[in-house]
Amino acid sequence: MKKLYFIFNLHSGRASIGSKLAYVIDQLTKAGYEVTARPTQARMDACEAAFYACEHDTDIIVCSGGDGTLNEVIQGLMMSDRKIPIGYIPAGSTNDFARGIGIPRSIPDAVKCIIEGYPFKCDIGGFDEKYFTYIAAFGAFVNVTYETSQKAKNILGHMAYLINGITKLNSIKSYHMRITTDSEVIEDDFIFGMVTNSSSVAGLLSLGDFLFDDGLYEVTLLKTPSSIIDLNRTVHSFLNIEIDLDTAHIKSFRTSRIKFECDEEIPWTIDGENGGNRSSAEIVNNQRAIEIITEGVLPSAE
């Protein structure tokens, strides 16, 4: 009998997984798995649990929570030499990664996806000593995701991020940065930058024309506007449903490796969680590093 380690966050989103635990465990058991259930107890507990599962002959990890919970599980897997597949039951407020990779939002459908779905090897980002699944970002608005209260997220969903973002407009700061990529060196003033592998960010931005396993990340940089009018236009593009990547103040490109350097420390976010302040950060694409179970066969670089 195959061993399954079930890691779940009871506080993610509207805490919907709590009322479905018996159903989830029953369905996974009926599918032939020996299930060990582990509710997370504190920050980074999912990381430790995932590492433990990898090191103790587990065949598959199933995790349920938001993007932050999934990030912690990814951290644990990347720490281990033994990579095992991940099944994901999204239960957060935005679930950007699940939305992009084609994992159903409803719990019954997500469980069915784990039992009947397809393994897909996707890229994982290295962020200095950490890892991320779908986004690493600096500058304006990066604190919106982790400073927006869980209560507001539960009640308002995506709109909570938008409302909290608007309140931050008067605190936007410019950073002079040197950015080194595979093919060029960029030196300019920026208010925001993100390195992504997702079709959406915080449920607000919609990004297309990318692959989850091509070894490349999509980079979007917002240059410092020269006037209040340009600032409003740039912020409107950023917070709109679809970002206009052709505006004069937005630079976009793809790269497998990128280094950010600044004379001062900059706040970062990783998969919607606080990534700390740092003056230098190097991001590397670990191509096809983790196997995720998805509902259908995804477009692939292979």
C-alpha atoms as a PDB file:
ATOM      1  CA  MET A   1       0.000   0.000   0.000  1.00  0.00           C
ATOM      2  CA  LYS A   2       1.338   3.411  -0.974  1.00  0.00           C
ATOM      3  CA  LYS A   3       2.000   5.931   1.799  1.00  0.00           C
ATOM      4  CA  LEU A   4       0.467   9.408   1.582  1.00  0.00           C
ATOM      5  CA  TYR A   5       1.373  12.287   3.901  1.00  0.00           C
ATOM      6  CA  PHE A   6      -1.454  14.828   4.133  1.00  0.00           C
ATOM      7  CA  ILE A   7      -0.357  18.295   5.299  1.00  0.00           C
ATOM      8  CA  PHE A   8      -3.134  20.859   5.776  1.00  0.00           C
ATOM      9  CA  ASN A   9      -3.538  24.400   7.102  1.00  0.00           C
ATOM     10  CA  LEU A  10      -6.820  24.807   8.972  1.00  0.00           C
ATOM     11  CA  HIS A  11      -6.566  28.618   8.874  1.00  0.00           C
ATOM     12  CA  SER A  12      -6.173  29.171   5.134  1.00  0.00           C
ATOM     13  CA  GLY A  13      -8.924  30.964   3.236  1.00  0.00           C
ATOM     14  CA  ARG A  14     -12.337  30.371   4.729  1.00  0.00           C
ATOM     15  CA  ALA A  15     -11.036  27.324   6.619  1.00  0.00           C
ATOM     16  CA  SER A  16     -13.123  25.160   4.281  1.00  0.00           C
ATOM     17  CA  ILE A  17     -10.779  22.188   4.517  1.00  0.00           C
ATOM     18  CA  GLY A  18     -11.712  21.671   8.176  1.00  0.00           C
ATOM     19  CA  SER A  19     -15.266  20.600   7.341  1.00  0.00           C
ATOM     20  CA  LYS A  20     -14.054  18.288   4.574  1.00  0.00           C
ATOM     21  CA  LEU A  21     -11.260  16.433   6.346  1.00  0.00           C
ATOM     22  CA  ALA A  22     -13.193  13.192   6.821  1.00  0.00           C
ATOM     23  CA  TYR A  23     -14.254  13.259   3.167  1.00  0.00           C
ATOM     24  CA  VAL A  24     -10.710  13.897   1.904  1.00  0.00           C
ATOM     25  CA  ILE A  25      -9.111  11.183   4.037  1.00  0.00           C
ATOM     26  CA  ASP A  26     -11.871   8.716   3.154  1.00  0.00           C
ATOM     27  CA  GLN A  27     -11.487   9.311  -0.595  1.00  0.00           C
ATOM     28  CA  LEU A  28      -7.703   9.012  -0.474  1.00  0.00           C
ATOM     29  CA  THR A  29      -7.970   5.814   1.588  1.00  0.00           C
ATOM     30  CA  LYS A  30     -10.478   4.343  -0.874  1.00  0.00           C
ATOM     31  CA  ALA A  31      -7.950   5.111  -3.634  1.00  0.00           C
ATOM     32  CA  GLY A  32      -5.500   2.738  -1.949  1.00  0.00           C
ATOM     33  CA  TYR A  33      -3.355   5.086   0.120  1.00  0.00           C
ATOM     34  CA  GLU A  34      -2.261   4.720   3.720  1.00  0.00           C
ATOM     35  CA  VAL A  35      -2.919   8.274   4.914  1.00  0.00           C
ATOM     36  CA  THR A  36      -1.024  10.130   7.624  1.00  0.00           C
ATOM     37  CA  ALA A  37      -2.654  13.493   8.431  1.00  0.00           C
ATOM     38  CA  ARG A  38      -0.680  16.458   9.780  1.00  0.00           C
ATOM     39  CA  PRO A  39      -2.340  19.824  10.590  1.00  0.00           C
ATOM     40  CA  THR A  40       0.224  22.624  10.524  1.00  0.00           C
ATOM     41  CA  GLN A  41       0.986  24.122  13.935  1.00  0.00           C
ATOM     42  CA  ALA A  42       3.086  27.188  13.157  1.00  0.00           C
ATOM     43  CA  ARG A  43       4.881  29.055  10.391  1.00  0.00           C
ATOM     44  CA  MET A  44       7.250  26.758   8.429  1.00  0.00           C
ATOM     45  CA  ASP A  45       5.722  23.664  10.023  1.00  0.00           C
ATOM     46  CA  ALA A  46       4.620  22.489   6.564  1.00  0.00           C
ATOM     47  CA  CYS A  47       8.253  22.750   5.428  1.00  0.00           C
ATOM     48  CA  GLU A  48       9.467  20.484   8.219  1.00  0.00           C
ATOM     49  CA  ALA A  49       6.596  18.048   7.636  1.00  0.00           C
ATOM     50  CA  ALA A  50       7.302  17.832   3.900  1.00  0.00           C
ATOM     51  CA  PHE A  51      10.999  17.199   4.502  1.00  0.00           C
ATOM     52  CA  TYR A  52      10.101  14.494   7.028  1.00  0.00           C
ATOM     53  CA  ALA A  53       7.780  12.839   4.511  1.00  0.00           C
ATOM     54  CA  CYS A  54      10.476  12.791   1.830  1.00  0.00           C
ATOM     55  CA  GLU A  55      12.997  11.249   4.195  1.00  0.00           C
ATOM     56  CA  HIS A  56      10.665   8.524   5.522  1.00  0.00           C
ATOM     57  CA  ASP A  57       9.636   6.519   2.463  1.00  0.00           C
ATOM     58  CA  THR A  58       6.436   8.417   1.709  1.00  0.00           C
ATOM     59  CA  ASP A  59       5.169   7.962  -1.846  1.00  0.00           C
ATOM     60  CA  ILE A  60       3.215  11.200  -2.229  1.00  0.00           C
ATOM     61  CA  ILE A  61       2.534  14.413  -0.314  1.00  0.00           C
ATOM     62  CA  VAL A  62      -0.895  16.028  -0.428  1.00  0.00           C
ATOM     63  CA  CYS A  63      -1.122  19.551   0.945  1.00  0.00           C
ATOM     64  CA  SER A  64      -4.090  21.813   1.489  1.00  0.00           C
ATOM     65  CA  GLY A  65      -3.899  25.532   2.195  1.00  0.00           C
ATOM     66  CA  GLY A  66      -3.041  28.711   0.370  1.00  0.00           C
ATOM     67  CA  ASP A  67      -0.052  29.683  -1.725  1.00  0.00           C
ATOM     68  CA  GLY A  68       1.998  30.173   1.453  1.00  0.00           C
ATOM     69  CA  THR A  69       1.332  26.625   2.635  1.00  0.00           C
ATOM     70  CA  LEU A  70       2.265  25.229  -0.776  1.00  0.00           C
ATOM     71  CA  ASN A  71       5.444  27.325  -0.693  1.00  0.00           C
ATOM     72  CA  GLU A  72       6.448  25.793   2.642  1.00  0.00           C
ATOM     73  CA  VAL A  73       5.883  22.286   1.291  1.00  0.00           C
ATOM     74  CA  ILE A  74       8.023  23.132  -1.750  1.00  0.00           C
ATOM     75  CA  GLN A  75      10.775  24.373   0.607  1.00  0.00           C
ATOM     76  CA  GLY A  76      10.747  21.012   2.373  1.00  0.00           C
ATOM     77  CA  LEU A  77      10.896  19.007  -0.852  1.00  0.00           C
ATOM     78  CA  MET A  78      13.737  21.088  -2.265  1.00  0.00           C
ATOM     79  CA  MET A  79      15.735  20.495   0.920  1.00  0.00           C
ATOM     80  CA  SER A  80      15.544  16.732   0.393  1.00  0.00           C
ATOM     81  CA  ASP A  81      17.472  14.661  -2.135  1.00  0.00           C
ATOM     82  CA  ARG A  82      14.372  12.508  -2.546  1.00  0.00           C
ATOM     83  CA  LYS A  83      11.716  14.408  -4.505  1.00  0.00           C
ATOM     84  CA  ILE A  84       8.221  12.895  -4.350  1.00  0.00           C
ATOM     85  CA  PRO A  85       5.049  14.039  -6.164  1.00  0.00           C
ATOM     86  CA  ILE A  86       2.752  16.687  -4.678  1.00  0.00           C
ATOM     87  CA  GLY A  87      -1.025  16.710  -4.804  1.00  0.00           C
ATOM     88  CA  TYR A  88      -2.548  20.087  -3.986  1.00  0.00           C
ATOM     89  CA  ILE A  89      -5.979  20.948  -2.573  1.00  0.00           C
ATOM     90  CA  PRO A  90      -6.195  24.762  -2.809  1.00  0.00           C
ATOM     91  CA  ALA A  91      -7.914  26.347   0.189  1.00  0.00           C
ATOM     92  CA  GLY A  92      -6.476  29.872   0.266  1.00  0.00           C
ATOM     93  CA  SER A  93      -7.887  33.248  -0.724  1.00  0.00           C
ATOM     94  CA  THR A  94      -6.300  33.543  -4.181  1.00  0.00           C
ATOM     95  CA  ASN A  95      -4.630  30.210  -5.049  1.00  0.00           C
ATOM     96  CA  ASP A  96      -2.698  31.755  -7.950  1.00  0.00           C
ATOM     97  CA  PHE A  97      -0.525  28.734  -8.637  1.00  0.00           C
ATOM     98  CA  ALA A  98      -3.430  26.270  -8.603  1.00  0.00           C
ATOM     99  CA  ARG A  99      -5.429  28.483 -10.947  1.00  0.00           C
ATOM    100  CA  GLY A 100      -2.600  28.698 -13.429  1.00  0.00           C
ATOM    101  CA  ILE A 101      -1.549  25.069 -13.450  1.00  0.00           C
ATOM    102  CA  GLY A 102      -5.079  23.732 -13.772  1.00  0.00           C
ATOM    103  CA  ILE A 103      -5.858  22.330 -10.325  1.00  0.00           C
ATOM    104  CA  PRO A 104      -9.615  22.536  -9.538  1.00  0.00           C
ATOM    105  CA  ARG A 105     -10.742  24.933  -6.816  1.00  0.00           C
ATOM    106  CA  SER A 106     -13.449  22.735  -5.292  1.00  0.00           C
ATOM    107  CA  ILE A 107     -12.228  20.225  -2.732  1.00  0.00           C
ATOM    108  CA  PRO A 108     -13.985  17.163  -4.253  1.00  0.00           C
ATOM    109  CA  ASP A 109     -12.627  17.989  -7.718  1.00  0.00           C
ATOM    110  CA  ALA A 110      -9.127  18.620  -6.353  1.00  0.00           C
ATOM    111  CA  VAL A 111      -9.173  15.250  -4.578  1.00  0.00           C
ATOM    112  CA  LYS A 112     -10.320  13.569  -7.788  1.00  0.00           C
ATOM    113  CA  CYS A 113      -7.469  15.326  -9.597  1.00  0.00           C
ATOM    114  CA  ILE A 114      -4.949  13.857  -7.120  1.00  0.00           C
ATOM    115  CA  ILE A 115      -6.341  10.352  -7.566  1.00  0.00           C
ATOM    116  CA  GLU A 116      -6.851  10.404 -11.340  1.00  0.00           C
ATOM    117  CA  GLY A 117      -4.616  13.267 -12.536  1.00  0.00           C
ATOM    118  CA  TYR A 118      -1.349  13.565 -14.376  1.00  0.00           C
ATOM    119  CA  PRO A 119       2.111  14.221 -12.912  1.00  0.00           C
ATOM    120  CA  PHE A 120       3.740  17.364 -14.294  1.00  0.00           C
ATOM    121  CA  LYS A 121       7.298  18.483 -13.630  1.00  0.00           C
ATOM    122  CA  CYS A 122       7.362  22.248 -13.137  1.00  0.00           C
ATOM    123  CA  ASP A 123      10.066  24.854 -12.591  1.00  0.00           C
ATOM    124  CA  ILE A 124      10.872  26.041  -9.086  1.00  0.00           C
ATOM    125  CA  GLY A 125      12.643  29.311  -8.381  1.00  0.00           C
ATOM    126  CA  GLY A 126      15.687  29.584  -6.175  1.00  0.00           C
ATOM    127  CA  PHE A 127      15.736  32.869  -4.245  1.00  0.00           C
ATOM    128  CA  ASP A 128      19.121  33.022  -2.525  1.00  0.00           C
ATOM    129  CA  GLU A 129      18.729  30.358   0.186  1.00  0.00           C
ATOM    130  CA  LYS A 130      14.955  30.009  -0.307  1.00  0.00           C
ATOM    131  CA  TYR A 131      12.607  28.740  -3.005  1.00  0.00           C
ATOM    132  CA  PHE A 132       9.400  29.985  -4.579  1.00  0.00           C
ATOM    133  CA  THR A 133       6.661  28.467  -6.700  1.00  0.00           C
ATOM    134  CA  TYR A 134       5.248  31.289  -8.769  1.00  0.00           C
ATOM    135  CA  ILE A 135       6.443  34.786  -7.751  1.00  0.00           C
ATOM    136  CA  ALA A 136       9.250  36.755  -6.142  1.00  0.00           C
ATOM    137  CA  ALA A 137       8.645  40.517  -6.104  1.00  0.00           C
ATOM    138  CA  PHE A 138      10.123  43.712  -4.661  1.00  0.00           C
ATOM    139  CA  GLY A 139       9.030  47.287  -4.057  1.00  0.00           C
ATOM    140  CA  ALA A 140       5.570  48.824  -4.226  1.00  0.00           C
ATOM    141  CA  PHE A 141       2.656  46.634  -3.122  1.00  0.00           C
ATOM    142  CA  VAL A 142       4.775  43.635  -2.082  1.00  0.00           C
ATOM    143  CA  ASN A 143       3.539  44.002   1.492  1.00  0.00           C
ATOM    144  CA  VAL A 144      -0.093  44.040   0.362  1.00  0.00           C
ATOM    145  CA  THR A 145      -0.353  40.241   0.242  1.00  0.00           C
ATOM    146  CA  TYR A 146       0.988  39.524   3.720  1.00  0.00           C
ATOM    147  CA  GLU A 147      -0.293  42.686   5.451  1.00  0.00           C
ATOM    148  CA  THR A 148      -3.881  42.171   4.274  1.00  0.00           C
ATOM    149  CA  SER A 149      -5.639  40.528   7.215  1.00  0.00           C
ATOM    150  CA  GLN A 150      -6.869  36.952   6.896  1.00  0.00           C
ATOM    151  CA  LYS A 151     -10.328  38.147   7.939  1.00  0.00           C
ATOM    152  CA  ALA A 152     -10.420  40.643   5.066  1.00  0.00           C
ATOM    153  CA  LYS A 153      -9.217  37.983   2.616  1.00  0.00           C
ATOM    154  CA  ASN A 154     -11.923  35.590   3.778  1.00  0.00           C
ATOM    155  CA  ILE A 155     -14.685  38.186   3.406  1.00  0.00           C
ATOM    156  CA  LEU A 156     -13.579  40.080   0.310  1.00  0.00           C
ATOM    157  CA  GLY A 157     -11.340  37.633  -1.542  1.00  0.00           C
ATOM    158  CA  HIS A 158      -9.292  39.281  -4.337  1.00  0.00           C
ATOM    159  CA  MET A 159     -10.890  42.669  -3.646  1.00  0.00           C
ATOM    160  CA  ALA A 160      -9.179  42.777  -0.247  1.00  0.00           C
ATOM    161  CA  TYR A 161      -5.785  42.973  -1.972  1.00  0.00           C
ATOM    162  CA  LEU A 162      -6.988  45.699  -4.324  1.00  0.00           C
ATOM    163  CA  ILE A 163      -8.379  47.846  -1.504  1.00  0.00           C
ATOM    164  CA  ASN A 164      -5.261  47.444   0.602  1.00  0.00           C
ATOM    165  CA  GLY A 165      -3.071  48.206  -2.429  1.00  0.00           C
ATOM    166  CA  ILE A 166      -4.837  51.476  -3.117  1.00  0.00           C
ATOM    167  CA  THR A 167      -4.163  52.615   0.449  1.00  0.00           C
ATOM    168  CA  LYS A 168      -0.404  52.215  -0.206  1.00  0.00           C
ATOM    169  CA  LEU A 169      -0.207  54.651  -3.136  1.00  0.00           C
ATOM    170  CA  ASN A 170       1.204  57.510  -1.064  1.00  0.00           C
ATOM    171  CA  SER A 171       4.090  55.365   0.181  1.00  0.00           C
ATOM    172  CA  ILE A 172       5.500  54.236  -3.172  1.00  0.00           C
ATOM    173  CA  LYS A 173       9.287  54.476  -3.168  1.00  0.00           C
ATOM    174  CA  SER A 174      11.807  54.474  -6.015  1.00  0.00           C
ATOM    175  CA  TYR A 175      14.912  52.278  -5.974  1.00  0.00           C
ATOM    176  CA  HIS A 176      17.993  52.668  -8.139  1.00  0.00           C
ATOM    177  CA  MET A 177      18.959  49.148  -9.168  1.00  0.00           C
ATOM    178  CA  ARG A 178      21.468  47.199 -11.180  1.00  0.00           C
ATOM    179  CA  ILE A 179      19.833  44.113 -12.689  1.00  0.00           C
ATOM    180  CA  THR A 180      21.926  41.405 -14.340  1.00  0.00           C
ATOM    181  CA  THR A 181      20.263  38.739 -16.524  1.00  0.00           C
ATOM    182  CA  ASP A 182      21.374  35.990 -18.892  1.00  0.00           C
ATOM    183  CA  SER A 183      21.828  38.481 -21.701  1.00  0.00           C
ATOM    184  CA  GLU A 184      21.981  42.068 -20.406  1.00  0.00           C
ATOM    185  CA  VAL A 185      22.670  44.457 -17.553  1.00  0.00           C
ATOM    186  CA  ILE A 186      19.958  46.993 -16.719  1.00  0.00           C
ATOM    187  CA  GLU A 187      20.553  50.013 -14.509  1.00  0.00           C
ATOM    188  CA  ASP A 188      17.599  52.288 -13.804  1.00  0.00           C
ATOM    189  CA  ASP A 189      15.102  53.475 -11.174  1.00  0.00           C
ATOM    190  CA  PHE A 190      12.203  51.145 -10.383  1.00  0.00           C
ATOM    191  CA  ILE A 191       9.212  51.145  -8.060  1.00  0.00           C
ATOM    192  CA  PHE A 192       8.340  47.481  -8.500  1.00  0.00           C
ATOM    193  CA  GLY A 193       9.612  44.270 -10.031  1.00  0.00           C
ATOM    194  CA  MET A 194       8.415  40.679 -10.174  1.00  0.00           C
ATOM    195  CA  VAL A 195       9.780  37.361 -11.387  1.00  0.00           C
ATOM    196  CA  THR A 196       6.900  35.014 -12.117  1.00  0.00           C
ATOM    197  CA  ASN A 197       5.871  31.592 -13.344  1.00  0.00           C
ATOM    198  CA  SER A 198       2.103  31.947 -13.159  1.00  0.00           C
ATOM    199  CA  SER A 199      -0.898  32.983 -15.227  1.00  0.00           C
ATOM    200  CA  SER A 200      -2.077  35.345 -12.474  1.00  0.00           C
ATOM    201  CA  VAL A 201      -0.741  37.218  -9.453  1.00  0.00           C
ATOM    202  CA  ALA A 202      -2.867  37.902  -6.364  1.00  0.00           C
ATOM    203  CA  GLY A 203      -5.923  37.358  -8.546  1.00  0.00           C
ATOM    204  CA  LEU A 204      -5.376  40.829 -10.014  1.00  0.00           C
ATOM    205  CA  LEU A 205      -2.835  40.500 -12.814  1.00  0.00           C
ATOM    206  CA  SER A 206      -3.306  38.168 -15.762  1.00  0.00           C
ATOM    207  CA  LEU A 207      -0.165  37.035 -17.535  1.00  0.00           C
ATOM    208  CA  GLY A 208      -0.102  34.750 -20.557  1.00  0.00           C
ATOM    209  CA  ASP A 209       2.190  33.151 -23.126  1.00  0.00           C
ATOM    210  CA  PHE A 210       4.400  31.170 -20.782  1.00  0.00           C
ATOM    211  CA  LEU A 211       5.239  27.566 -19.869  1.00  0.00           C
ATOM    212  CA  PHE A 212       5.628  26.111 -16.379  1.00  0.00           C
ATOM    213  CA  ASP A 213       8.620  23.968 -17.373  1.00  0.00           C
ATOM    214  CA  ASP A 214      10.649  25.917 -19.951  1.00  0.00           C
ATOM    215  CA  GLY A 215      13.428  26.936 -17.567  1.00  0.00           C
ATOM    216  CA  LEU A 216      12.563  30.613 -17.988  1.00  0.00           C
ATOM    217  CA  TYR A 217      10.869  33.159 -15.771  1.00  0.00           C
ATOM    218  CA  GLU A 218       8.800  36.122 -16.872  1.00  0.00           C
ATOM    219  CA  VAL A 219      10.230  39.361 -15.453  1.00  0.00           C
ATOM    220  CA  THR A 220       8.152  42.539 -15.172  1.00  0.00           C
ATOM    221  CA  LEU A 221       9.755  45.805 -14.032  1.00  0.00           C
ATOM    222  CA  LEU A 222       7.893  49.067 -13.333  1.00  0.00           C
ATOM    223  CA  LYS A 223      10.160  52.042 -13.969  1.00  0.00           C
ATOM    224  CA  THR A 224       9.873  55.092 -11.751  1.00  0.00           C
ATOM    225  CA  PRO A 225       7.320  57.446 -13.373  1.00  0.00           C
ATOM    226  CA  SER A 226       8.398  61.016 -14.085  1.00  0.00           C
ATOM    227  CA  SER A 227       5.088  62.599 -13.034  1.00  0.00           C
ATOM    228  CA  ILE A 228       1.967  61.998 -10.965  1.00  0.00           C
ATOM    229  CA  ILE A 229       0.013  61.370 -14.158  1.00  0.00           C
ATOM    230  CA  ASP A 230       2.482  58.687 -15.238  1.00  0.00           C
ATOM    231  CA  LEU A 231       2.408  57.191 -11.737  1.00  0.00           C
ATOM    232  CA  ASN A 232      -1.378  56.920 -11.818  1.00  0.00           C
ATOM    233  CA  ARG A 233      -1.269  55.356 -15.279  1.00  0.00           C
ATOM    234  CA  THR A 234       1.384  52.844 -14.254  1.00  0.00           C
ATOM    235  CA  VAL A 235      -0.380  51.903 -11.021  1.00  0.00           C
ATOM    236  CA  HIS A 236      -3.658  51.543 -12.908  1.00  0.00           C
ATOM    237  CA  SER A 237      -1.974  49.114 -15.310  1.00  0.00           C
ATOM    238  CA  PHE A 238      -0.530  47.176 -12.380  1.00  0.00           C
ATOM    239  CA  LEU A 239      -3.821  46.861 -10.478  1.00  0.00           C
ATOM    240  CA  ASN A 240      -5.994  46.300 -13.530  1.00  0.00           C
ATOM    241  CA  ILE A 241      -7.272  42.873 -14.472  1.00  0.00           C
ATOM    242  CA  GLU A 242      -4.781  42.622 -17.346  1.00  0.00           C
ATOM    243  CA  ILE A 243      -1.411  44.297 -17.190  1.00  0.00           C
ATOM    244  CA  ASP A 244      -0.393  46.263 -20.278  1.00  0.00           C
ATOM    245  CA  LEU A 245       3.145  45.106 -20.911  1.00  0.00           C
ATOM    246  CA  ASP A 246       3.659  47.689 -23.696  1.00  0.00           C
ATOM    247  CA  THR A 247       3.420  50.848 -21.606  1.00  0.00           C
ATOM    248  CA  ALA A 248       6.447  53.138 -21.527  1.00  0.00           C
ATOM    249  CA  HIS A 249       7.105  52.508 -17.856  1.00  0.00           C
ATOM    250  CA  ILE A 250       6.842  48.718 -17.864  1.00  0.00           C
ATOM    251  CA  LYS A 251       9.713  46.519 -19.060  1.00  0.00           C
ATOM    252  CA  SER A 252       9.229  42.783 -19.526  1.00  0.00           C
ATOM    253  CA  PHE A 253      11.458  39.914 -20.656  1.00  0.00           C
ATOM    254  CA  ARG A 254      12.334  36.268 -19.960  1.00  0.00           C
ATOM    255  CA  THR A 255      15.432  34.872 -18.297  1.00  0.00           C
ATOM    256  CA  SER A 256      16.617  31.769 -16.449  1.00  0.00           C
ATOM    257  CA  ARG A 257      18.767  33.689 -13.981  1.00  0.00           C
ATOM    258  CA  ILE A 258      18.615  37.242 -12.655  1.00  0.00           C
ATOM    259  CA  LYS A 259      20.427  39.236  -9.977  1.00  0.00           C
ATOM    260  CA  PHE A 260      19.093  42.388  -8.337  1.00  0.00           C
ATOM    261  CA  GLU A 261      21.463  44.821  -6.622  1.00  0.00           C
ATOM    262  CA  CYS A 262      20.612  48.049  -4.793  1.00  0.00           C
ATOM    263  CA  ASP A 263      22.443  50.438  -2.478  1.00  0.00           C
ATOM    264  CA  GLU A 264      19.708  50.000   0.138  1.00  0.00           C
ATOM    265  CA  GLU A 265      17.608  47.140   1.430  1.00  0.00           C
ATOM    266  CA  ILE A 266      14.369  46.459  -0.444  1.00  0.00           C
ATOM    267  CA  PRO A 267      11.289  44.588   0.826  1.00  0.00           C
ATOM    268  CA  TRP A 268      10.561  41.332  -1.031  1.00  0.00           C
ATOM    269  CA  THR A 269       7.639  38.933  -1.105  1.00  0.00           C
ATOM    270  CA  ILE A 270       7.861  35.240  -2.023  1.00  0.00           C
ATOM    271  CA  ASP A 271       4.625  33.498  -3.034  1.00  0.00           C
ATOM    272  CA  GLY A 272       2.662  36.127  -1.131  1.00  0.00           C
ATOM    273  CA  GLU A 273       4.673  35.779   2.076  1.00  0.00           C
ATOM    274  CA  ASN A 274       7.215  38.157   3.602  1.00  0.00           C
ATOM    275  CA  GLY A 275      10.577  37.536   1.925  1.00  0.00           C
ATOM    276  CA  GLY A 276      12.489  40.001   4.101  1.00  0.00           C
ATOM    277  CA  ASN A 277      14.525  43.082   3.232  1.00  0.00           C
ATOM    278  CA  ARG A 278      17.749  42.734   1.281  1.00  0.00           C
ATOM    279  CA  SER A 279      20.049  44.821  -0.920  1.00  0.00           C
ATOM    280  CA  SER A 280      20.965  41.921  -3.181  1.00  0.00           C
ATOM    281  CA  ALA A 281      18.979  38.935  -4.407  1.00  0.00           C
ATOM    282  CA  GLU A 282      19.797  36.270  -6.979  1.00  0.00           C
ATOM    283  CA  ILE A 283      17.029  34.221  -8.575  1.00  0.00           C
ATOM    284  CA  VAL A 284      17.693  30.997 -10.481  1.00  0.00           C
ATOM    285  CA  ASN A 285      15.225  28.798 -12.341  1.00  0.00           C
ATOM    286  CA  ASN A 286      15.441  25.149 -11.246  1.00  0.00           C
ATOM    287  CA  GLN A 287      13.896  23.599 -14.327  1.00  0.00           C
ATOM    288  CA  ARG A 288      11.357  20.798 -13.823  1.00  0.00           C
ATOM    289  CA  ALA A 289      12.444  20.369 -10.206  1.00  0.00           C
ATOM    290  CA  ILE A 290       9.117  19.374  -8.631  1.00  0.00           C
ATOM    291  CA  GLU A 291       6.356  17.020  -9.786  1.00  0.00           C
ATOM    292  CA  ILE A 292       2.805  18.361  -9.318  1.00  0.00           C
ATOM    293  CA  ILE A 293      -0.336  16.345 -10.038  1.00  0.00           C
ATOM    294  CA  THR A 294      -2.618  18.261 -12.415  1.00  0.00           C
ATOM    295  CA  GLU A 295      -6.057  17.691 -13.885  1.00  0.00           C
ATOM    296  CA  GLY A 296      -4.973  17.514 -17.523  1.00  0.00           C
ATOM    297  CA  VAL A 297      -1.908  17.353 -19.729  1.00  0.00           C
ATOM    298  CA  LEU A 298      -0.323  20.831 -19.747  1.00  0.00           C
ATOM    299  CA  PRO A 299       1.611  22.509 -22.549  1.00  0.00           C
ATOM    300  CA  SER A 300       5.252  21.615 -22.068  1.00  0.00           C
ATOM    301  CA  ALA A 301       8.659  22.716 -23.314  1.00  0.00           C
ATOM    302  CA  GLU A 302       9.509  19.078 -24.059  1.00  0.00           C
END
